[in-house]
Amino acid sequence: MTGKTVGAAQFKADCLRLIEEMGQDRQPVTITKRGRPVARLTPVEAVAPRSIVGAMKGTVLRYDDPFAPATDPADWDANA
């Protein structure tokens, strides 16, 4: 196993510091209980933010007449 190995009690006491160190050195932390590994804290892989431009590309299912009214004008009661 690569990275650090800490006991559960030590992890509980030093959790925030260990997370900070892991964020800097990018090494996983294995947490043990009575010498047996029970959990592993790993850094999150960096994901590049997606551009909003083109995010909806390919999602239009139908494109009959974009200038036609959405509903029948008789359905509107503007005087009410």
PDB file of N, CA and C in Angstrom:
ATOM      1  N   MET A   1       0.843  -1.181   0.000  1.00  0.00           N
ATOM      2  CA  MET A   1       0.000   0.000   0.000  1.00  0.00           C
ATOM      3  C   MET A   1       0.883   1.238   0.000  1.00  0.00           C
ATOM      4  N   THR A   2       0.555   2.173  -0.839  1.00  0.00           N
ATOM      5  CA  THR A   2       1.309   3.421  -0.859  1.00  0.00           C
ATOM      6  C   THR A   2       0.586   4.452  -0.018  1.00  0.00           C
ATOM      7  N   GLY A   3       1.301   5.474   0.356  1.00  0.00           N
ATOM      8  CA  GLY A   3       0.704   6.523   1.170  1.00  0.00           C
ATOM      9  C   GLY A   3       0.899   6.264   2.644  1.00  0.00           C
ATOM     10  N   LYS A   4       0.148   6.992   3.444  1.00  0.00           N
ATOM     11  CA  LYS A   4       0.260   6.903   4.899  1.00  0.00           C
ATOM     12  C   LYS A   4      -0.711   5.869   5.448  1.00  0.00           C
ATOM     13  N   THR A   5      -0.356   5.310   6.591  1.00  0.00           N
ATOM     14  CA  THR A   5      -1.236   4.412   7.322  1.00  0.00           C
ATOM     15  C   THR A   5      -1.357   4.948   8.733  1.00  0.00           C
ATOM     16  N   VAL A   6      -2.596   5.150   9.188  1.00  0.00           N
ATOM     17  CA  VAL A   6      -2.821   5.662  10.537  1.00  0.00           C
ATOM     18  C   VAL A   6      -3.896   4.831  11.213  1.00  0.00           C
ATOM     19  N   GLY A   7      -3.811   4.754  12.509  1.00  0.00           N
ATOM     20  CA  GLY A   7      -4.840   4.078  13.280  1.00  0.00           C
ATOM     21  C   GLY A   7      -6.100   4.928  13.358  1.00  0.00           C
ATOM     22  N   ALA A   8      -7.223   4.295  13.628  1.00  0.00           N
ATOM     23  CA  ALA A   8      -8.500   5.003  13.681  1.00  0.00           C
ATOM     24  C   ALA A   8      -8.485   6.088  14.752  1.00  0.00           C
ATOM     25  N   ALA A   9      -7.917   5.816  15.907  1.00  0.00           N
ATOM     26  CA  ALA A   9      -7.878   6.813  16.980  1.00  0.00           C
ATOM     27  C   ALA A   9      -7.047   8.024  16.565  1.00  0.00           C
ATOM     28  N   GLN A  10      -5.899   7.764  15.921  1.00  0.00           N
ATOM     29  CA  GLN A  10      -5.065   8.874  15.451  1.00  0.00           C
ATOM     30  C   GLN A  10      -5.787   9.645  14.350  1.00  0.00           C
ATOM     31  N   PHE A  11      -6.471   8.930  13.454  1.00  0.00           N
ATOM     32  CA  PHE A  11      -7.219   9.606  12.386  1.00  0.00           C
ATOM     33  C   PHE A  11      -8.299  10.510  12.972  1.00  0.00           C
ATOM     34  N   LYS A  12      -8.988  10.002  13.989  1.00  0.00           N
ATOM     35  CA  LYS A  12     -10.037  10.795  14.636  1.00  0.00           C
ATOM     36  C   LYS A  12      -9.456  12.074  15.228  1.00  0.00           C
ATOM     37  N   ALA A  13      -8.300  11.961  15.854  1.00  0.00           N
ATOM     38  CA  ALA A  13      -7.683  13.122  16.501  1.00  0.00           C
ATOM     39  C   ALA A  13      -7.095  14.109  15.491  1.00  0.00           C
ATOM     40  N   ASP A  14      -6.572  13.594  14.366  1.00  0.00           N
ATOM     41  CA  ASP A  14      -5.844  14.434  13.411  1.00  0.00           C
ATOM     42  C   ASP A  14      -6.517  14.504  12.042  1.00  0.00           C
ATOM     43  N   CYS A  15      -7.799  14.268  11.980  1.00  0.00           N
ATOM     44  CA  CYS A  15      -8.527  14.171  10.714  1.00  0.00           C
ATOM     45  C   CYS A  15      -8.287  15.362   9.790  1.00  0.00           C
ATOM     46  N   LEU A  16      -8.533  16.565  10.271  1.00  0.00           N
ATOM     47  CA  LEU A  16      -8.401  17.737   9.413  1.00  0.00           C
ATOM     48  C   LEU A  16      -6.975  17.941   8.915  1.00  0.00           C
ATOM     49  N   ARG A  17      -6.005  17.710   9.781  1.00  0.00           N
ATOM     50  CA  ARG A  17      -4.606  17.849   9.371  1.00  0.00           C
ATOM     51  C   ARG A  17      -4.247  16.808   8.310  1.00  0.00           C
ATOM     52  N   LEU A  18      -4.704  15.563   8.495  1.00  0.00           N
ATOM     53  CA  LEU A  18      -4.412  14.504   7.526  1.00  0.00           C
ATOM     54  C   LEU A  18      -5.061  14.787   6.171  1.00  0.00           C
ATOM     55  N   ILE A  19      -6.271  15.321   6.190  1.00  0.00           N
ATOM     56  CA  ILE A  19      -6.935  15.673   4.934  1.00  0.00           C
ATOM     57  C   ILE A  19      -6.165  16.786   4.229  1.00  0.00           C
ATOM     58  N   GLU A  20      -5.725  17.766   4.983  1.00  0.00           N
ATOM     59  CA  GLU A  20      -4.937  18.870   4.402  1.00  0.00           C
ATOM     60  C   GLU A  20      -3.641  18.349   3.791  1.00  0.00           C
ATOM     61  N   GLU A  21      -2.932  17.479   4.509  1.00  0.00           N
ATOM     62  CA  GLU A  21      -1.683  16.910   3.993  1.00  0.00           C
ATOM     63  C   GLU A  21      -1.938  16.087   2.730  1.00  0.00           C
ATOM     64  N   MET A  22      -3.028  15.307   2.741  1.00  0.00           N
ATOM     65  CA  MET A  22      -3.342  14.486   1.590  1.00  0.00           C
ATOM     66  C   MET A  22      -3.635  15.375   0.377  1.00  0.00           C
ATOM     67  N   GLY A  23      -4.296  16.492   0.589  1.00  0.00           N
ATOM     68  CA  GLY A  23      -4.569  17.415  -0.499  1.00  0.00           C
ATOM     69  C   GLY A  23      -3.303  18.000  -1.093  1.00  0.00           C
ATOM     70  N   GLN A  24      -2.259  18.134  -0.279  1.00  0.00           N
ATOM     71  CA  GLN A  24      -1.004  18.701  -0.761  1.00  0.00           C
ATOM     72  C   GLN A  24      -0.108  17.654  -1.416  1.00  0.00           C
ATOM     73  N   ASP A  25       0.076  16.502  -0.756  1.00  0.00           N
ATOM     74  CA  ASP A  25       1.005  15.505  -1.306  1.00  0.00           C
ATOM     75  C   ASP A  25       0.330  14.472  -2.209  1.00  0.00           C
ATOM     76  N   ARG A  26      -1.030  14.499  -2.278  1.00  0.00           N
ATOM     77  CA  ARG A  26      -1.814  13.633  -3.158  1.00  0.00           C
ATOM     78  C   ARG A  26      -1.606  12.141  -2.879  1.00  0.00           C
ATOM     79  N   GLN A  27      -1.189  11.796  -1.649  1.00  0.00           N
ATOM     80  CA  GLN A  27      -0.999  10.406  -1.255  1.00  0.00           C
ATOM     81  C   GLN A  27      -2.203   9.936  -0.441  1.00  0.00           C
ATOM     82  N   PRO A  28      -2.743   8.754  -0.732  1.00  0.00           N
ATOM     83  CA  PRO A  28      -3.893   8.258   0.035  1.00  0.00           C
ATOM     84  C   PRO A  28      -3.514   7.938   1.476  1.00  0.00           C
ATOM     85  N   VAL A  29      -4.526   7.951   2.335  1.00  0.00           N
ATOM     86  CA  VAL A  29      -4.341   7.622   3.750  1.00  0.00           C
ATOM     87  C   VAL A  29      -5.162   6.370   4.041  1.00  0.00           C
ATOM     88  N   THR A  30      -4.503   5.335   4.523  1.00  0.00           N
ATOM     89  CA  THR A  30      -5.196   4.105   4.904  1.00  0.00           C
ATOM     90  C   THR A  30      -5.453   4.153   6.398  1.00  0.00           C
ATOM     91  N   ILE A  31      -6.697   3.908   6.795  1.00  0.00           N
ATOM     92  CA  ILE A  31      -7.089   3.950   8.199  1.00  0.00           C
ATOM     93  C   ILE A  31      -7.245   2.517   8.685  1.00  0.00           C
ATOM     94  N   THR A  32      -6.576   2.235   9.803  1.00  0.00           N
ATOM     95  CA  THR A  32      -6.601   0.873  10.329  1.00  0.00           C
ATOM     96  C   THR A  32      -7.295   0.832  11.682  1.00  0.00           C
ATOM     97  N   LYS A  33      -7.789  -0.337  12.006  1.00  0.00           N
ATOM     98  CA  LYS A  33      -8.367  -0.588  13.322  1.00  0.00           C
ATOM     99  C   LYS A  33      -7.795  -1.920  13.781  1.00  0.00           C
ATOM    100  N   ARG A  34      -7.071  -1.857  14.893  1.00  0.00           N
ATOM    101  CA  ARG A  34      -6.364  -3.030  15.417  1.00  0.00           C
ATOM    102  C   ARG A  34      -5.417  -3.633  14.374  1.00  0.00           C
ATOM    103  N   GLY A  35      -4.786  -2.749  13.606  1.00  0.00           N
ATOM    104  CA  GLY A  35      -3.788  -3.173  12.631  1.00  0.00           C
ATOM    105  C   GLY A  35      -4.347  -3.629  11.285  1.00  0.00           C
ATOM    106  N   ARG A  36      -5.668  -3.681  11.146  1.00  0.00           N
ATOM    107  CA  ARG A  36      -6.276  -4.123   9.891  1.00  0.00           C
ATOM    108  C   ARG A  36      -6.846  -2.921   9.141  1.00  0.00           C
ATOM    109  N   PRO A  37      -6.570  -2.808   7.857  1.00  0.00           N
ATOM    110  CA  PRO A  37      -7.114  -1.696   7.082  1.00  0.00           C
ATOM    111  C   PRO A  37      -8.644  -1.774   7.030  1.00  0.00           C
ATOM    112  N   VAL A  38      -9.307  -0.657   7.342  1.00  0.00           N
ATOM    113  CA  VAL A  38     -10.769  -0.620   7.312  1.00  0.00           C
ATOM    114  C   VAL A  38     -11.303   0.449   6.364  1.00  0.00           C
ATOM    115  N   ALA A  39     -10.495   1.434   6.031  1.00  0.00           N
ATOM    116  CA  ALA A  39     -10.946   2.497   5.130  1.00  0.00           C
ATOM    117  C   ALA A  39      -9.746   3.127   4.446  1.00  0.00           C
ATOM    118  N   ARG A  40     -10.032   3.777   3.333  1.00  0.00           N
ATOM    119  CA  ARG A  40      -8.972   4.473   2.614  1.00  0.00           C
ATOM    120  C   ARG A  40      -9.495   5.827   2.167  1.00  0.00           C
ATOM    121  N   LEU A  41      -8.750   6.859   2.502  1.00  0.00           N
ATOM    122  CA  LEU A  41      -9.072   8.228   2.117  1.00  0.00           C
ATOM    123  C   LEU A  41      -8.182   8.572   0.931  1.00  0.00           C
ATOM    124  N   THR A  42      -8.797   8.860  -0.217  1.00  0.00           N
ATOM    125  CA  THR A  42      -8.019   9.137  -1.420  1.00  0.00           C
ATOM    126  C   THR A  42      -8.350  10.527  -1.950  1.00  0.00           C
ATOM    127  N   PRO A  43      -7.390  11.178  -2.597  1.00  0.00           N
ATOM    128  CA  PRO A  43      -7.658  12.496  -3.168  1.00  0.00           C
ATOM    129  C   PRO A  43      -8.586  12.376  -4.372  1.00  0.00           C
ATOM    130  N   VAL A  44      -9.382  13.400  -4.578  1.00  0.00           N
ATOM    131  CA  VAL A  44     -10.300  13.440  -5.714  1.00  0.00           C
ATOM    132  C   VAL A  44      -9.516  13.865  -6.947  1.00  0.00           C
ATOM    133  N   GLU A  45      -9.779  13.184  -8.046  1.00  0.00           N
ATOM    134  CA  GLU A  45      -9.130  13.557  -9.301  1.00  0.00           C
ATOM    135  C   GLU A  45      -9.685  14.894  -9.769  1.00  0.00           C
ATOM    136  N   ALA A  46      -8.802  15.748 -10.234  1.00  0.00           N
ATOM    137  CA  ALA A  46      -9.222  17.066 -10.712  1.00  0.00           C
ATOM    138  C   ALA A  46     -10.028  16.899 -11.998  1.00  0.00           C
ATOM    139  N   VAL A  47     -11.185  17.537 -12.045  1.00  0.00           N
ATOM    140  CA  VAL A  47     -12.046  17.494 -13.227  1.00  0.00           C
ATOM    141  C   VAL A  47     -12.134  18.898 -13.797  1.00  0.00           C
ATOM    142  N   ALA A  48     -11.818  19.018 -15.061  1.00  0.00           N
ATOM    143  CA  ALA A  48     -11.878  20.326 -15.707  1.00  0.00           C
ATOM    144  C   ALA A  48     -13.336  20.753 -15.827  1.00  0.00           C
ATOM    145  N   PRO A  49     -13.645  21.991 -15.478  1.00  0.00           N
ATOM    146  CA  PRO A  49     -15.030  22.452 -15.598  1.00  0.00           C
ATOM    147  C   PRO A  49     -15.462  22.481 -17.065  1.00  0.00           C
ATOM    148  N   ARG A  50     -16.686  22.043 -17.300  1.00  0.00           N
ATOM    149  CA  ARG A  50     -17.222  22.045 -18.662  1.00  0.00           C
ATOM    150  C   ARG A  50     -17.721  23.436 -19.014  1.00  0.00           C
ATOM    151  N   SER A  51     -17.535  23.792 -20.256  1.00  0.00           N
ATOM    152  CA  SER A  51     -18.026  25.081 -20.742  1.00  0.00           C
ATOM    153  C   SER A  51     -19.531  25.005 -20.928  1.00  0.00           C
ATOM    154  N   ILE A  52     -20.212  26.091 -20.627  1.00  0.00           N
ATOM    155  CA  ILE A  52     -21.654  26.138 -20.825  1.00  0.00           C
ATOM    156  C   ILE A  52     -21.987  26.246 -22.310  1.00  0.00           C
ATOM    157  N   VAL A  53     -21.046  26.756 -23.099  1.00  0.00           N
ATOM    158  CA  VAL A  53     -21.254  26.877 -24.534  1.00  0.00           C
ATOM    159  C   VAL A  53     -21.282  25.472 -25.136  1.00  0.00           C
ATOM    160  N   GLY A  54     -22.375  25.149 -25.767  1.00  0.00           N
ATOM    161  CA  GLY A  54     -22.512  23.840 -26.402  1.00  0.00           C
ATOM    162  C   GLY A  54     -22.964  22.743 -25.463  1.00  0.00           C
ATOM    163  N   ALA A  55     -23.279  23.068 -24.217  1.00  0.00           N
ATOM    164  CA  ALA A  55     -23.665  22.043 -23.248  1.00  0.00           C
ATOM    165  C   ALA A  55     -24.954  21.335 -23.632  1.00  0.00           C
ATOM    166  N   MET A  56     -25.840  22.012 -24.344  1.00  0.00           N
ATOM    167  CA  MET A  56     -27.121  21.414 -24.734  1.00  0.00           C
ATOM    168  C   MET A  56     -27.095  20.833 -26.146  1.00  0.00           C
ATOM    169  N   LYS A  57     -25.931  20.781 -26.776  1.00  0.00           N
ATOM    170  CA  LYS A  57     -25.807  20.279 -28.135  1.00  0.00           C
ATOM    171  C   LYS A  57     -26.348  18.853 -28.229  1.00  0.00           C
ATOM    172  N   GLY A  58     -27.196  18.629 -29.218  1.00  0.00           N
ATOM    173  CA  GLY A  58     -27.738  17.296 -29.447  1.00  0.00           C
ATOM    174  C   GLY A  58     -28.956  16.958 -28.607  1.00  0.00           C
ATOM    175  N   THR A  59     -29.491  17.915 -27.859  1.00  0.00           N
ATOM    176  CA  THR A  59     -30.624  17.611 -26.992  1.00  0.00           C
ATOM    177  C   THR A  59     -31.967  17.989 -27.594  1.00  0.00           C
ATOM    178  N   VAL A  60     -31.979  18.716 -28.712  1.00  0.00           N
ATOM    179  CA  VAL A  60     -33.241  19.097 -29.352  1.00  0.00           C
ATOM    180  C   VAL A  60     -33.782  17.882 -30.084  1.00  0.00           C
ATOM    181  N   LEU A  61     -34.988  17.453 -29.708  1.00  0.00           N
ATOM    182  CA  LEU A  61     -35.571  16.276 -30.315  1.00  0.00           C
ATOM    183  C   LEU A  61     -36.441  16.614 -31.525  1.00  0.00           C
ATOM    184  N   ARG A  62     -37.031  17.793 -31.509  1.00  0.00           N
ATOM    185  CA  ARG A  62     -37.918  18.198 -32.586  1.00  0.00           C
ATOM    186  C   ARG A  62     -37.752  19.680 -32.846  1.00  0.00           C
ATOM    187  N   TYR A  63     -37.746  20.055 -34.122  1.00  0.00           N
ATOM    188  CA  TYR A  63     -37.539  21.455 -34.495  1.00  0.00           C
ATOM    189  C   TYR A  63     -38.376  21.744 -35.738  1.00  0.00           C
ATOM    190  N   ASP A  64     -39.710  21.730 -35.573  1.00  0.00           N
ATOM    191  CA  ASP A  64     -40.593  21.868 -36.726  1.00  0.00           C
ATOM    192  C   ASP A  64     -40.659  23.308 -37.222  1.00  0.00           C
ATOM    193  N   ASP A  65     -41.193  24.212 -36.410  1.00  0.00           N
ATOM    194  CA  ASP A  65     -41.376  25.602 -36.813  1.00  0.00           C
ATOM    195  C   ASP A  65     -41.090  26.493 -35.606  1.00  0.00           C
ATOM    196  N   PRO A  66     -39.876  27.005 -35.492  1.00  0.00           N
ATOM    197  CA  PRO A  66     -39.512  27.770 -34.295  1.00  0.00           C
ATOM    198  C   PRO A  66     -40.249  29.099 -34.159  1.00  0.00           C
ATOM    199  N   PHE A  67     -40.864  29.599 -35.243  1.00  0.00           N
ATOM    200  CA  PHE A  67     -41.532  30.890 -35.183  1.00  0.00           C
ATOM    201  C   PHE A  67     -43.042  30.776 -34.987  1.00  0.00           C
ATOM    202  N   ALA A  68     -43.549  29.570 -34.926  1.00  0.00           N
ATOM    203  CA  ALA A  68     -44.976  29.368 -34.695  1.00  0.00           C
ATOM    204  C   ALA A  68     -45.282  29.627 -33.220  1.00  0.00           C
ATOM    205  N   PRO A  69     -46.498  30.109 -32.901  1.00  0.00           N
ATOM    206  CA  PRO A  69     -46.856  30.320 -31.492  1.00  0.00           C
ATOM    207  C   PRO A  69     -46.806  29.007 -30.714  1.00  0.00           C
ATOM    208  N   ALA A  70     -46.451  29.104 -29.466  1.00  0.00           N
ATOM    209  CA  ALA A  70     -46.355  27.903 -28.628  1.00  0.00           C
ATOM    210  C   ALA A  70     -47.723  27.301 -28.354  1.00  0.00           C
ATOM    211  N   THR A  71     -48.748  28.149 -28.266  1.00  0.00           N
ATOM    212  CA  THR A  71     -50.113  27.672 -28.051  1.00  0.00           C
ATOM    213  C   THR A  71     -51.055  28.434 -28.965  1.00  0.00           C
ATOM    214  N   ASP A  72     -52.277  28.001 -29.018  1.00  0.00           N
ATOM    215  CA  ASP A  72     -53.294  28.676 -29.813  1.00  0.00           C
ATOM    216  C   ASP A  72     -53.614  30.016 -29.140  1.00  0.00           C
ATOM    217  N   PRO A  73     -53.614  31.119 -29.881  1.00  0.00           N
ATOM    218  CA  PRO A  73     -53.911  32.431 -29.270  1.00  0.00           C
ATOM    219  C   PRO A  73     -55.267  32.479 -28.576  1.00  0.00           C
ATOM    220  N   ALA A  74     -56.209  31.650 -28.963  1.00  0.00           N
ATOM    221  CA  ALA A  74     -57.526  31.616 -28.313  1.00  0.00           C
ATOM    222  C   ALA A  74     -57.422  31.107 -26.870  1.00  0.00           C
ATOM    223  N   ASP A  75     -56.366  30.385 -26.549  1.00  0.00           N
ATOM    224  CA  ASP A  75     -56.173  29.862 -25.196  1.00  0.00           C
ATOM    225  C   ASP A  75     -55.816  30.962 -24.195  1.00  0.00           C
ATOM    226  N   TRP A  76     -55.385  32.108 -24.673  1.00  0.00           N
ATOM    227  CA  TRP A  76     -54.974  33.205 -23.800  1.00  0.00           C
ATOM    228  C   TRP A  76     -56.171  34.076 -23.457  1.00  0.00           C
ATOM    229  N   ASP A  77     -56.281  34.433 -22.229  1.00  0.00           N
ATOM    230  CA  ASP A  77     -57.347  35.345 -21.800  1.00  0.00           C
ATOM    231  C   ASP A  77     -56.663  36.539 -21.140  1.00  0.00           C
ATOM    232  N   ALA A  78     -56.189  37.481 -21.984  1.00  0.00           N
ATOM    233  CA  ALA A  78     -55.407  38.617 -21.494  1.00  0.00           C
ATOM    234  C   ALA A  78     -56.248  39.636 -20.737  1.00  0.00           C
ATOM    235  N   ASN A  79     -57.562  39.644 -20.920  1.00  0.00           N
ATOM    236  CA  ASN A  79     -58.417  40.626 -20.265  1.00  0.00           C
ATOM    237  C   ASN A  79     -58.866  40.183 -18.884  1.00  0.00           C
ATOM    238  N   ALA A  80     -58.596  38.998 -18.504  1.00  0.00           N
ATOM    239  CA  ALA A  80     -59.084  38.491 -17.226  1.00  0.00           C
ATOM    240  C   ALA A  80     -58.289  39.000 -16.071  1.00  0.00           C
TER     241      ALA A  80
END
